[in-house]
Every structure is written in C-alpha cells, then in structure tokens.
Protein backbone atom coordinates (compact mmCIF):
# COMPACT_ATOMS: atom_id res chain seq x y z
CA MET A 1 16.59 -66.34 -7.54
CA ALA A 2 16.67 -62.84 -5.96
CA LYS A 3 13.03 -62.15 -3.75
CA LYS A 4 11.34 -58.54 -4.67
CA SER A 5 11.00 -55.85 -1.91
CA THR A 6 6.81 -56.11 -1.48
CA THR A 7 7.26 -52.90 0.04
CA SER A 8 5.86 -50.21 -2.20
CA LYS A 9 7.22 -46.48 -2.60
CA PRO A 10 5.88 -43.29 -1.28
CA ALA A 11 3.13 -41.57 -3.39
CA GLY A 12 5.45 -39.22 -5.32
CA ALA A 13 8.57 -41.04 -4.77
CA GLY A 14 10.58 -41.33 -8.40
CA SER A 15 8.85 -38.34 -10.00
CA LYS A 16 10.98 -35.24 -10.80
CA LYS A 17 9.83 -32.11 -9.45
CA ALA A 18 11.30 -28.50 -9.84
CA PRO A 19 12.93 -27.12 -6.41
CA VAL A 20 11.64 -24.62 -4.58
CA LYS A 21 13.12 -21.47 -4.82
CA ALA A 22 12.72 -19.33 -1.98
CA ALA A 23 11.51 -15.64 -1.95
CA ARG A 24 14.52 -13.24 -2.14
CA LYS A 25 15.36 -11.06 0.01
CA PRO A 26 16.52 -7.52 -0.32
CA ALA A 27 19.97 -6.54 -0.70
CA ALA A 28 21.76 -5.34 2.87
CA GLY A 29 21.36 -1.27 2.95
CA LYS A 30 18.62 -1.87 0.31
CA LYS A 31 14.93 -0.43 1.51
CA SER A 32 11.87 -1.91 -0.83
CA GLY A 33 9.08 -0.16 -1.56
CA ALA A 34 7.35 3.20 -0.02
CA PRO A 35 9.88 4.56 2.78
CA ALA A 36 8.21 3.88 6.57
CA LYS A 37 7.42 7.43 7.50
CA THR A 38 8.24 8.28 11.55
CA SER A 39 5.83 10.81 12.05
CA LYS A 40 1.93 10.59 12.81
CA ARG A 41 0.06 12.84 10.75
CA ARG A 42 -2.58 15.42 12.48
CA VAL A 43 -5.89 14.60 12.53
CA PRO A 44 -7.43 18.01 12.02
CA SER A 45 -11.09 18.61 13.00
CA GLN A 46 -14.13 18.56 11.15
CA GLU A 47 -14.42 22.29 11.70
CA GLU A 48 -10.96 23.03 10.80
CA ILE A 49 -11.22 21.45 7.80
CA SER A 50 -14.95 23.28 6.27
CA GLN A 51 -13.00 26.67 7.05
CA LYS A 52 -10.52 25.35 5.04
CA ALA A 53 -12.76 23.80 2.01
CA HIS A 54 -15.09 27.39 2.80
CA GLU A 55 -11.70 29.71 1.77
CA ILE A 56 -10.60 27.55 -1.03
CA TYR A 57 -13.90 27.73 -2.57
CA LEU A 58 -14.07 31.13 -1.99
CA GLU A 59 -10.47 31.66 -4.06
CA ARG A 60 -11.84 29.29 -6.60
CA ILE A 61 -14.44 30.60 -7.28
CA ALA A 62 -12.94 34.48 -7.89
CA SER A 63 -10.39 32.82 -9.83
CA GLY A 64 -13.20 31.30 -12.23
CA LYS A 65 -12.04 27.73 -11.52
CA PRO A 66 -14.18 24.45 -11.75
CA GLY A 67 -14.72 22.08 -8.69
CA ASP A 68 -16.95 21.07 -6.83
CA SER A 69 -17.28 20.76 -2.42
CA ASP A 70 -16.05 17.42 -2.02
CA SER A 71 -12.48 18.41 -3.92
CA ASP A 72 -12.79 21.63 -1.53
CA TRP A 73 -12.90 19.42 1.24
CA LEU A 74 -10.50 16.87 -0.58
CA GLN A 75 -7.96 19.76 -0.77
CA ALA A 76 -8.38 21.28 2.92
CA LEU A 77 -7.78 17.81 3.92
CA ASN A 78 -4.21 17.41 2.55
CA ILE A 79 -3.23 21.07 3.33
CA LEU A 80 -4.36 20.69 6.72
CA GLN A 81 -2.71 16.89 7.23
CA SER A 82 0.93 18.47 6.17
C-alpha cells in the first residue's frame, strides 16, 4: 500500500480564481482625456482683476443684466487669464 503524503497544499491551492486583467493602455497615437496645456496662464494682480471687474459691473448695470460682484470678479479673472 502506498504511503499518503503528509504535506498539505498551500491555502487557496486548487481553488479557481478568475484571471486578473491588466489595465488597458490607450492605442498608440491616441491621447486619453483632455490635452495637456503647454503654456502657463498668466496670474493677474488683484488690482487688475478689480479694475476689470468694475468695468464688467458698469457694463452689466448699463445693460440691466442681473448679477453680483462675485460673478463680475470671476468673469474678470477668466478674461484676464485667457
């Protein structure tokens, strides 16, 4: 009669697991997501933003459009950074 092996199998041996898939790489020549910007945006001074926001405020009031100082400031910042 043959002797039985006394060694045990490592934990998880014999259990079937789904193979792990590697993350897909984008195809050659294709870029994923938004394009990287190579130029740096200029950072305007607080004084420049304030002056532009005031101009926007005057135009907004003259045309009767609704708004507030925060939206004027953000619009001025966007204009000066572009």
